Each structure stands twice: as structure tokens, then as C-alpha cells.
Amino acid sequence: MTRQQRNNQKEPRRDPNVSRRTLVQGLAASAAAAAVAGIGSALAQNAPAPVGPPTTITSPPRDFSPRGAPTTYFWDPDIIAVDPSFNDLAQPNTSIKRLFTGVLWAEGPAWSSQGRYLLWSDIPNNRQMRWSEDDGHVSVFRMPSNYSNGNSFDFQGRQLSCEHLTRRVTRYENDGTATVLADNYQGKRLNSPNDIVAHPDGSYWFTDPPYGSQLYEGEPDAAGGPVNPAGKLNPRIGQPAGFVPFKRELPTNCYRIDPSGRVDLVVSEDQVPDPNGLCFSPDYKKLYVVSTGKGPGDSGPGGKGDVFVFDVGADNKLSNGKRFSDFTIDGVKCGPDGIRCDVNGNVWCASNAGRAVGYSGVTVWSPEGKLLGRIRLPEVCGNITFGGPKRNRLFMAASQSLYAVYTATQGAGPA
């Protein structure tokens, strides 16, 4: 029996009409059929679980699209309660749906409460996409997008975007103009802003790792920079006339943009290397910051796939920083990326488990760092947000696709 089959047996919540014995018998029947087809009984029993199809429940592989057959379970089989309290957060009579597929790398989902649409980035295609809530229509929202990554909306409904190509943070005003909020710190160009969140005091907090310094997701350093030391890459190819490439000049830090326009360093690379996703707790007294893997041009060890949490003081100073979790589940490193809190303070985080089939998707944690549940997707998940008219639908930007599932809770703060 494979590890994933054992994991299925341990799941605490299933349709009472579908027993674990029935599931195991079904899997055994499938294995026997494969043996008859010529694979061989020894191979069927001893070979490791295949990388694909990327689902650990259904056979044949589940179709997540709107055209797919409905699940026959009261609880979606790929929504797993690790702790019984997750039953109060997951919506029982709903299923995970793939809303769209066909992008190169989906990132930065953000919900517009005014427009009732979901915006997200397709980074390598240099565009932003929009899914409309009224009829499910998907269209290109903005192209070019300067290879935007993270997006969000502030308390005034204005879109915020982190741009890799221009190494800046931009706000799109309600009158149609655009404002550059930050492109440097103390006179040095930013690396590649990644994710951003708004604070009720009018400030914006964002992360600045180096992941946009790649051909695929932005532009490499100018010749001699850490990502292009030999100068063999030409960052001007494919860019508009007059484009000026820059060299990486700063460590990987987190910053706060004051309402006055001043940019302050709030989390240093020493505290959280390669910061990626970030979010506030519902009361804005805690800040969660994801530390992902070593980025291009890093001279140090880089991030290790952890999440850190800090107390936020009245003066916007952070203190008591500590590791929230290393995101290792059943011995599998479920690399965190995008992160959001619900109104109860639970932490929902995208999971990139690589080829560990069944562990990519979303992980859900209590404010104390206890794993509550998991949502399994057939693709690596990069980022998430809560949205929908009631803000009770979780949208998941996962590799080439956009997924969504209703929950029994609401996201905290604007998306």
C-alpha cells in the first residue's frame, strides 16, 4: 500500500455512505485490473505511487472543470480535515472547481468587491486576467502588465500591483491614472516586488525578493549584476525602446509605504530571507511573512520554505518575530507561497509540494500554528485570496489554472 493510500485511510471525514473499506476495495480492484493488463502483480504491489495523474482519490482522474462529473461525496474528497475544527471552516455541500486553465504561471489573485471580479497575473505572458462573477467569463484585463506578480485592492477599491519588469509597486487610481508608489529604497532600485497588502492606516506593506530577476518572469540584471554576472543575458531583448535594465542592489527585505510616500524597512533579510507572501491578522496586530526558497542571485543560504509571524506595534514597529511553521506535513515539505487570514485568524496558505502528489494546494492553520486541514489540487498552488460577493469563496491561482471553492468562513480585510 502506498503512502498516499494510507493517507486516504486516515482522513477523518467522508460521506457516511462511502466506507473506507469500499475505497480500499476499489483501489485494489484497479490494481488487479492493471495486473491483468500486463503490468504484473509484483510491480503493482511494490512500485512507488506514480507522479500522475495528480489526484489521490478518484480513478479515472477527476475532472475539476465545470464540465466534470459532480463528486458523489457530501464532502469534497480533496478537502481533508486534519483536525475536527476544520469542519467549521470547510463548506460540506460544495466542490472544488477549475474556473479557467491556459495561463503559463498563475499568481497574485485579488478580488474586486466593487467590480465583482477576480483579477490575477499570468506572469510569463506579461498580462493580468479577469474572471467575472456574473457569468464566469474570462478575459485579458491588462496587457502588458510589466510582468506583475502580486495584486491586491486597498480600502478605497484601488488596485495595487507588484511589477517585476519595472521593479516597482503601482496603484491604479479610480480615475484611470496610475501612480508609482515605490521603486527604490534609499536611492537603490527594488529587486522585484512580489506581494502587497493594505493597512487601515493608509499604508501598504510589500515584500521584495529576487524572483522577478529571471527571463521567464521579468528581466535579469544588467550585465555584472548578481543574476547576470557574466553579462551573457541581454535583458533588453523583447522590451520597449528605451528600456533601461538595472542591477540588483538590495537585500531581500519587506517594506512599508507610509501614506506620506516614505518607504520604511520593516523586515530585513536577516529576519526573513527571500520574503514572498504576506498578510495581516484580522485585528492587524500580527504580520505573517512567507520565506520561500533561495532566489536567483542570492549570495546567502536563502529561504527554507517557512512562515514567520511578528507582533505589530502601534508605531508600526515589528517585534517578537518567530517561526510560525516549517510547513512540513507527513514528512513532505509543503512549500508556502501566497497567504491569507480568515476572520477568525486562521491562516490559509498556498502549497507547493513539487512532485509530492496530493500535497500541493492549500494548507490551513490555527493562529497557534496547528494544522487544521488541507485542500488538494492537481497543480502546484502559488497564491490564494478570498472573494465572491460574501467573501466566502477561496480562489486559488495554481500553475496554469484558476480554482475556487466555497468555505464556511470569510476572508479578513480587502482582498
Protein backbone atom coordinates (compact mmCIF):
# COMPACT_ATOMS: atom_id res chain seq x y z
CA MET A 1 0.00 0.00 0.00
CA THR A 2 1.40 3.40 -0.93
CA ARG A 3 1.83 6.34 1.45
CA GLN A 4 -0.95 8.22 -0.31
CA GLN A 5 -3.38 5.29 0.11
CA ARG A 6 -2.50 5.18 3.80
CA ASN A 7 -3.10 8.92 3.98
CA ASN A 8 -6.55 8.44 2.45
CA GLN A 9 -7.38 5.88 5.11
CA LYS A 10 -6.52 8.39 7.84
CA GLU A 11 -8.79 11.13 6.56
CA PRO A 12 -11.31 11.84 9.35
CA ARG A 13 -14.20 12.98 7.20
CA ARG A 14 -16.03 11.15 4.40
CA ASP A 15 -19.55 10.57 3.19
CA PRO A 16 -21.05 8.07 5.65
CA ASN A 17 -22.41 6.13 2.70
CA VAL A 18 -18.90 5.52 1.34
CA SER A 19 -16.82 3.39 3.70
CA ARG A 20 -13.04 3.23 3.84
CA ARG A 21 -13.33 -0.48 3.03
CA THR A 22 -15.20 0.39 -0.16
CA LEU A 23 -12.49 2.85 -1.15
CA VAL A 24 -9.69 0.38 -0.47
CA GLN A 25 -11.53 -2.36 -2.34
CA GLY A 26 -11.89 -0.01 -5.30
CA LEU A 27 -8.19 0.74 -5.30
CA ALA A 28 -7.39 -2.94 -5.04
CA ALA A 29 -9.68 -3.68 -7.97
CA SER A 30 -7.91 -1.06 -10.04
CA ALA A 31 -4.54 -2.59 -9.19
CA ALA A 32 -5.80 -6.04 -10.14
CA ALA A 33 -7.09 -4.76 -13.46
CA ALA A 34 -3.70 -3.25 -14.17
CA ALA A 35 -2.05 -6.58 -13.39
CA VAL A 36 -4.34 -8.38 -15.81
CA ALA A 37 -3.40 -5.84 -18.45
CA GLY A 38 0.19 -6.99 -18.14
CA ILE A 39 1.82 -4.76 -15.58
CA GLY A 40 2.41 -7.68 -13.23
CA SER A 41 1.31 -8.21 -9.67
CA ALA A 42 4.74 -7.71 -8.12
CA LEU A 43 5.21 -4.40 -9.92
CA ALA A 44 1.72 -3.28 -8.93
CA GLN A 45 2.41 -4.04 -5.27
CA ASN A 46 5.95 -2.74 -4.94
CA ALA A 47 6.30 0.18 -7.34
CA PRO A 48 6.10 3.67 -5.80
CA ALA A 49 2.98 5.75 -6.40
CA PRO A 50 3.13 7.32 -9.87
CA VAL A 51 3.61 11.05 -10.26
CA GLY A 52 0.45 11.27 -12.34
CA PRO A 53 -2.43 11.51 -12.54
CA PRO A 54 -2.17 14.27 -9.91
CA THR A 55 -5.07 13.16 -7.74
CA THR A 56 -5.14 10.72 -4.86
CA ILE A 57 -8.85 9.97 -4.70
CA THR A 58 -10.57 9.27 -7.98
CA SER A 59 -9.87 6.72 -10.68
CA PRO A 60 -10.09 7.57 -13.54
CA PRO A 61 -8.59 11.01 -12.80
CA ARG A 62 -11.04 13.60 -11.58
CA ASP A 63 -12.16 16.37 -13.93
CA PHE A 64 -12.16 19.60 -11.90
CA SER A 65 -13.68 21.70 -14.70
CA PRO A 66 -17.34 22.84 -14.81
CA ARG A 67 -17.89 20.07 -17.37
CA GLY A 68 -16.67 17.42 -14.97
CA ALA A 69 -18.97 14.93 -13.27
CA PRO A 70 -20.15 16.02 -9.82
CA THR A 71 -18.49 14.45 -6.83
CA THR A 72 -20.52 11.69 -5.22
CA TYR A 73 -19.45 12.70 -1.73
CA PHE A 74 -21.20 15.08 0.66
CA TRP A 75 -17.71 16.41 1.42
CA ASP A 76 -15.40 17.07 -1.49
CA PRO A 77 -12.90 14.18 -1.37
CA ASP A 78 -9.96 16.56 -1.86
CA ILE A 79 -10.88 18.72 1.15
CA ILE A 80 -9.31 16.99 4.14
CA ALA A 81 -9.96 17.72 7.80
CA VAL A 82 -6.77 17.04 9.74
CA ASP A 83 -8.34 18.46 12.90
CA PRO A 84 -12.11 18.26 13.65
CA SER A 85 -12.29 22.04 13.99
CA PHE A 86 -11.75 22.30 10.22
CA ASN A 87 -15.33 21.09 9.82
CA ASP A 88 -16.42 24.56 10.93
CA LEU A 89 -14.35 26.22 8.18
CA ALA A 90 -14.99 23.95 5.20
CA GLN A 91 -18.32 24.03 3.39
CA PRO A 92 -19.69 20.48 3.13
CA ASN A 93 -22.06 20.55 0.14
CA THR A 94 -19.75 22.17 -2.39
CA SER A 95 -16.84 21.09 -4.55
CA ILE A 96 -13.57 22.44 -5.89
CA LYS A 97 -13.96 23.83 -9.40
CA ARG A 98 -11.42 24.72 -12.03
CA LEU A 99 -12.66 28.05 -13.38
CA PHE A 100 -10.05 28.51 -16.10
CA THR A 101 -6.92 26.97 -17.50
CA GLY A 102 -4.49 28.14 -20.15
CA VAL A 103 -2.06 30.55 -18.48
CA LEU A 104 1.66 29.93 -18.09
CA TRP A 105 2.07 30.72 -14.38
CA ALA A 106 -0.88 31.99 -12.35
CA GLU A 107 -0.16 34.34 -9.45
CA GLY A 108 -1.49 37.24 -7.41
CA PRO A 109 -5.27 36.68 -7.26
CA ALA A 110 -7.22 39.66 -5.90
CA TRP A 111 -10.97 40.23 -5.54
CA SER A 112 -12.63 43.50 -6.56
CA SER A 113 -15.67 43.92 -4.33
CA GLN A 114 -16.88 46.85 -6.43
CA GLY A 115 -16.50 45.15 -9.80
CA ARG A 116 -17.31 41.64 -8.55
CA TYR A 117 -14.45 40.11 -10.49
CA LEU A 118 -11.32 38.15 -9.72
CA LEU A 119 -8.07 39.58 -11.05
CA TRP A 120 -4.88 37.55 -11.32
CA SER A 121 -1.47 37.64 -13.00
CA ASP A 122 -0.19 35.45 -15.82
CA ILE A 123 3.42 36.44 -15.26
CA PRO A 124 5.32 34.92 -18.23
CA ASN A 125 2.64 36.15 -20.67
CA ASN A 126 3.03 39.68 -19.25
CA ARG A 127 -0.68 40.12 -18.64
CA GLN A 128 -3.39 40.24 -15.99
CA MET A 129 -6.55 38.17 -16.33
CA ARG A 130 -10.09 38.75 -15.08
CA TRP A 131 -12.81 36.27 -14.15
CA SER A 132 -16.28 37.83 -13.93
CA GLU A 133 -18.53 36.56 -11.16
CA ASP A 134 -21.80 37.12 -13.02
CA ASP A 135 -21.25 34.72 -15.92
CA GLY A 136 -17.81 33.19 -15.39
CA HIS A 137 -16.35 34.96 -18.41
CA VAL A 138 -12.55 35.21 -18.53
CA SER A 139 -10.76 37.96 -20.43
CA VAL A 140 -7.41 39.71 -20.58
CA PHE A 141 -7.63 42.60 -18.13
CA ARG A 142 -4.30 44.38 -18.68
CA MET A 143 -1.52 43.72 -21.19
CA PRO A 144 1.32 44.42 -20.88
CA SER A 145 1.33 44.24 -17.10
CA ASN A 146 5.07 44.79 -16.61
CA TYR A 147 5.21 41.14 -15.57
CA SER A 148 3.12 41.83 -12.48
CA ASN A 149 3.08 39.25 -9.71
CA GLY A 150 1.09 40.05 -6.56
CA ASN A 151 -2.09 42.13 -6.75
CA SER A 152 -4.45 43.46 -4.13
CA PHE A 153 -7.12 46.09 -3.57
CA ASP A 154 -6.95 48.75 -0.88
CA PHE A 155 -9.75 50.07 1.33
CA GLN A 156 -10.76 52.54 -1.40
CA GLY A 157 -11.10 49.79 -4.01
CA ARG A 158 -7.94 50.75 -5.90
CA GLN A 159 -5.83 48.03 -7.47
CA LEU A 160 -2.27 47.53 -6.24
CA SER A 161 0.27 45.63 -8.35
CA CYS A 162 3.81 44.42 -7.78
CA GLU A 163 5.73 44.66 -11.07
CA HIS A 164 8.79 42.56 -11.86
CA LEU A 165 9.90 44.28 -15.05
CA THR A 166 9.89 47.82 -13.67
CA ARG A 167 10.87 46.73 -10.14
CA ARG A 168 8.15 48.85 -8.60
CA VAL A 169 4.78 48.94 -6.82
CA THR A 170 1.95 50.63 -8.74
CA ARG A 171 -1.54 51.77 -7.74
CA TYR A 172 -4.29 52.13 -10.34
CA GLU A 173 -6.50 55.07 -9.37
CA ASN A 174 -10.27 55.16 -9.72
CA ASP A 175 -9.99 57.88 -12.40
CA GLY A 176 -7.91 55.59 -14.63
CA THR A 177 -4.47 57.02 -13.91
CA ALA A 178 -1.61 55.05 -12.38
CA THR A 179 0.66 56.05 -9.51
CA VAL A 180 4.10 54.63 -8.77
CA LEU A 181 4.11 54.04 -5.02
CA ALA A 182 7.66 52.74 -4.66
CA ASP A 183 10.55 51.84 -6.95
CA ASN A 184 13.54 52.28 -4.63
CA TYR A 185 14.71 52.25 -1.05
CA GLN A 186 17.21 54.91 -0.01
CA GLY A 187 18.08 55.54 -3.64
CA LYS A 188 18.64 51.89 -4.60
CA ARG A 189 16.28 50.11 -7.01
CA LEU A 190 14.00 47.43 -5.63
CA ASN A 191 14.59 43.82 -6.62
CA SER A 192 11.20 42.58 -7.85
CA PRO A 193 8.24 43.38 -5.56
CA ASN A 194 6.22 40.23 -5.04
CA ASP A 195 3.16 40.64 -2.82
CA ILE A 196 1.37 43.58 -1.18
CA VAL A 197 -1.32 44.21 1.45
CA ALA A 198 -3.11 47.36 2.56
CA HIS A 199 -3.36 48.58 6.16
CA PRO A 200 -6.30 50.61 7.55
CA ASP A 201 -3.94 53.50 8.34
CA GLY A 202 -3.43 54.06 4.61
CA SER A 203 -0.05 52.38 4.38
CA TYR A 204 0.95 49.48 2.11
CA TRP A 205 3.28 46.65 3.10
CA PHE A 206 5.12 44.60 0.47
CA THR A 207 7.84 42.01 0.00
CA ASP A 208 10.84 42.35 -2.31
CA PRO A 209 12.54 39.03 -3.16
CA PRO A 210 14.59 38.49 -6.36
CA TYR A 211 12.34 36.04 -8.22
CA GLY A 212 11.47 38.51 -10.97
CA SER A 213 15.12 38.65 -11.99
CA GLN A 214 14.57 35.77 -14.40
CA LEU A 215 13.91 35.72 -18.14
CA TYR A 216 10.68 33.81 -17.62
CA GLU A 217 9.09 36.13 -15.06
CA GLY A 218 10.60 39.54 -15.73
CA GLU A 219 14.10 40.60 -16.72
CA PRO A 220 17.55 39.61 -15.49
CA ASP A 221 20.04 42.03 -14.04
CA ALA A 222 22.07 44.27 -16.28
CA ALA A 223 25.50 42.83 -17.09
CA GLY A 224 27.54 42.36 -13.94
CA GLY A 225 24.56 42.04 -11.61
CA PRO A 226 24.17 39.02 -9.30
CA VAL A 227 21.71 37.32 -11.65
CA ASN A 228 23.76 38.08 -14.78
CA PRO A 229 27.39 38.28 -13.62
CA ALA A 230 28.97 37.33 -16.95
CA GLY A 231 26.62 39.56 -18.95
CA LYS A 232 25.64 36.75 -21.31
CA LEU A 233 21.93 37.53 -20.96
CA ASN A 234 20.55 40.59 -22.75
CA PRO A 235 17.70 41.98 -20.64
CA ARG A 236 16.71 44.46 -23.35
CA ILE A 237 15.57 41.77 -25.80
CA GLY A 238 11.80 41.88 -26.10
CA GLN A 239 11.45 45.15 -24.20
CA PRO A 240 10.29 48.55 -25.48
CA ALA A 241 12.73 51.03 -26.97
CA GLY A 242 14.49 52.99 -24.29
CA PHE A 243 14.16 50.25 -21.68
CA VAL A 244 16.96 50.51 -19.14
CA PRO A 245 17.89 47.35 -17.19
CA PHE A 246 19.13 47.57 -13.62
CA LYS A 247 21.38 45.54 -11.38
CA ARG A 248 20.24 44.05 -8.13
CA GLU A 249 21.28 46.44 -5.37
CA LEU A 250 19.33 45.48 -2.23
CA PRO A 251 18.94 42.53 0.12
CA THR A 252 15.61 40.73 0.17
CA ASN A 253 13.52 42.82 2.57
CA CYS A 254 9.95 43.74 3.46
CA TYR A 255 8.88 47.40 3.32
CA ARG A 256 6.09 49.70 4.44
CA ILE A 257 4.93 52.58 2.24
CA ASP A 258 3.76 55.35 4.55
CA PRO A 259 0.76 57.48 3.45
CA SER A 260 3.29 60.32 3.07
CA GLY A 261 5.13 58.24 0.42
CA ARG A 262 8.12 57.40 2.61
CA VAL A 263 9.37 53.82 2.28
CA ASP A 264 10.49 52.16 5.52
CA LEU A 265 12.22 48.82 6.01
CA VAL A 266 10.12 46.66 8.37
CA VAL A 267 11.60 43.14 7.99
CA SER A 268 15.20 42.59 6.99
CA GLU A 269 16.71 39.70 5.07
CA ASP A 270 18.37 38.53 8.28
CA GLN A 271 14.93 38.07 9.82
CA VAL A 272 13.11 36.58 6.81
CA PRO A 273 15.23 35.68 3.79
CA ASP A 274 13.51 35.74 0.40
CA PRO A 275 10.15 37.04 1.66
CA ASN A 276 7.20 36.19 -0.56
CA GLY A 277 3.55 36.23 0.51
CA LEU A 278 2.39 38.30 3.46
CA CYS A 279 -0.83 39.13 5.28
CA PHE A 280 -2.16 40.70 8.46
CA SER A 281 -4.25 39.03 11.13
CA PRO A 282 -7.86 40.28 11.26
CA ASP A 283 -7.03 42.79 14.02
CA TYR A 284 -3.84 43.93 12.26
CA LYS A 285 -1.80 43.10 15.35
CA LYS A 286 0.20 40.34 13.65
CA LEU A 287 2.02 40.18 10.33
CA TYR A 288 2.70 36.84 8.64
CA VAL A 289 5.58 36.67 6.15
CA VAL A 290 6.41 33.68 3.97
CA SER A 291 10.07 32.83 3.41
CA THR A 292 10.39 30.78 0.23
CA GLY A 293 13.38 29.09 -1.39
CA LYS A 294 16.70 30.57 -2.40
CA GLY A 295 16.25 33.12 -5.17
CA PRO A 296 18.37 33.93 -8.22
CA GLY A 297 21.47 35.88 -7.35
CA ASP A 298 21.26 35.13 -3.61
CA SER A 299 24.68 35.07 -2.04
CA GLY A 300 23.46 33.65 1.25
CA PRO A 301 21.56 30.45 2.09
CA GLY A 302 18.18 31.92 1.12
CA GLY A 303 14.78 30.97 2.46
CA LYS A 304 13.86 27.47 3.60
CA GLY A 305 10.11 27.41 2.98
CA ASP A 306 8.98 28.65 6.39
CA VAL A 307 6.43 31.21 7.59
CA PHE A 308 7.27 33.79 10.22
CA VAL A 309 4.95 35.90 12.37
CA PHE A 310 5.57 39.26 14.04
CA ASP A 311 3.69 41.44 16.50
CA VAL A 312 2.73 44.81 15.01
CA GLY A 313 3.04 47.73 17.44
CA ALA A 314 1.05 50.94 17.47
CA ASP A 315 4.10 52.66 15.96
CA ASN A 316 4.17 50.13 13.10
CA LYS A 317 7.32 48.59 14.54
CA LEU A 318 7.52 44.80 14.47
CA SER A 319 8.65 42.70 17.42
CA ASN A 320 8.70 39.15 18.77
CA GLY A 321 9.41 37.60 15.41
CA LYS A 322 9.31 33.81 15.38
CA ARG A 323 8.80 30.92 13.03
CA PHE A 324 5.10 30.15 12.70
CA SER A 325 5.60 26.79 10.96
CA ASP A 326 8.09 24.98 8.73
CA PHE A 327 5.16 23.63 6.65
CA THR A 328 6.32 20.02 6.78
CA ILE A 329 3.33 17.69 6.70
CA ASP A 330 3.66 13.90 6.87
CA GLY A 331 7.34 14.39 6.12
CA VAL A 332 6.54 16.38 2.96
CA LYS A 333 7.72 19.97 2.59
CA CYS A 334 4.59 21.88 1.54
CA GLY A 335 6.38 25.00 0.36
CA PRO A 336 4.30 28.07 1.30
CA ASP A 337 3.77 30.99 -1.06
CA GLY A 338 0.66 33.21 -1.00
CA ILE A 339 -1.06 33.60 2.36
CA ARG A 340 -4.33 34.99 3.77
CA CYS A 341 -6.19 35.02 7.10
CA ASP A 342 -9.87 34.41 7.66
CA VAL A 343 -11.98 36.47 10.09
CA ASN A 344 -11.19 34.04 12.92
CA GLY A 345 -7.45 34.46 12.49
CA ASN A 346 -6.82 31.09 10.85
CA VAL A 347 -4.02 31.11 8.30
CA TRP A 348 -4.68 29.82 4.77
CA CYS A 349 -1.58 29.29 2.67
CA ALA A 350 -0.83 28.10 -0.85
CA SER A 351 1.19 24.88 -1.01
CA ASN A 352 3.91 23.99 -3.50
CA ALA A 353 4.88 20.40 -2.76
CA GLY A 354 6.53 19.82 -6.12
CA ARG A 355 6.19 16.20 -7.19
CA ALA A 356 4.72 15.07 -3.88
CA VAL A 357 1.34 14.34 -5.43
CA GLY A 358 -1.54 15.08 -3.10
CA TYR A 359 0.19 17.75 -1.01
CA SER A 360 0.02 20.71 -3.39
CA GLY A 361 -2.94 23.02 -2.97
CA VAL A 362 -3.76 24.87 0.26
CA THR A 363 -2.94 24.25 3.91
CA VAL A 364 -4.96 25.76 6.77
CA TRP A 365 -3.56 26.51 10.22
CA SER A 366 -4.87 27.83 13.53
CA PRO A 367 -3.44 31.11 14.90
CA GLU A 368 -1.32 28.93 17.19
CA GLY A 369 0.27 27.12 14.25
CA LYS A 370 -1.72 23.88 14.41
CA LEU A 371 -2.55 22.23 11.08
CA LEU A 372 -6.33 22.11 10.68
CA GLY A 373 -6.92 20.96 7.13
CA ARG A 374 -5.77 20.69 3.54
CA ILE A 375 -7.22 21.33 0.10
CA ARG A 376 -5.64 19.17 -2.58
CA LEU A 377 -5.25 20.44 -6.13
CA PRO A 378 -3.88 18.65 -9.20
CA GLU A 379 -1.41 21.50 -9.72
CA VAL A 380 1.11 23.40 -7.62
CA CYS A 381 -0.65 26.36 -5.99
CA GLY A 382 1.14 29.71 -5.97
CA ASN A 383 -1.29 32.13 -4.33
CA ILE A 384 -4.79 32.48 -2.89
CA THR A 385 -7.37 35.04 -1.88
CA PHE A 386 -10.90 35.16 -0.50
CA GLY A 387 -13.58 36.71 -2.68
CA GLY A 388 -17.08 36.45 -4.02
CA PRO A 389 -19.98 38.73 -3.01
CA LYS A 390 -19.85 37.37 0.56
CA ARG A 391 -16.05 36.94 0.60
CA ASN A 392 -16.61 33.28 1.46
CA ARG A 393 -15.09 31.77 -1.67
CA LEU A 394 -11.44 30.79 -1.79
CA PHE A 395 -9.75 31.46 -5.13
CA MET A 396 -6.55 29.56 -5.85
CA ALA A 397 -4.07 30.55 -8.57
CA ALA A 398 -2.36 27.25 -9.32
CA SER A 399 0.26 26.89 -12.04
CA GLN A 400 -1.70 27.02 -15.32
CA SER A 401 -5.19 27.28 -13.81
CA LEU A 402 -7.58 29.14 -11.54
CA TYR A 403 -9.58 27.14 -8.97
CA ALA A 404 -12.26 28.10 -6.45
CA VAL A 405 -14.20 26.54 -3.60
CA TYR A 406 -16.78 27.94 -1.20
CA THR A 407 -15.94 27.94 2.51
CA ALA A 408 -17.86 28.35 5.75
CA THR A 409 -15.84 31.40 6.74
CA GLN A 410 -14.87 34.78 5.28
CA GLY A 411 -11.55 36.31 4.38
CA ALA A 412 -10.25 39.10 6.60
CA GLY A 413 -9.71 42.56 5.12
CA PRO A 414 -9.83 43.62 1.49
CA ALA A 415 -8.52 41.07 -0.97
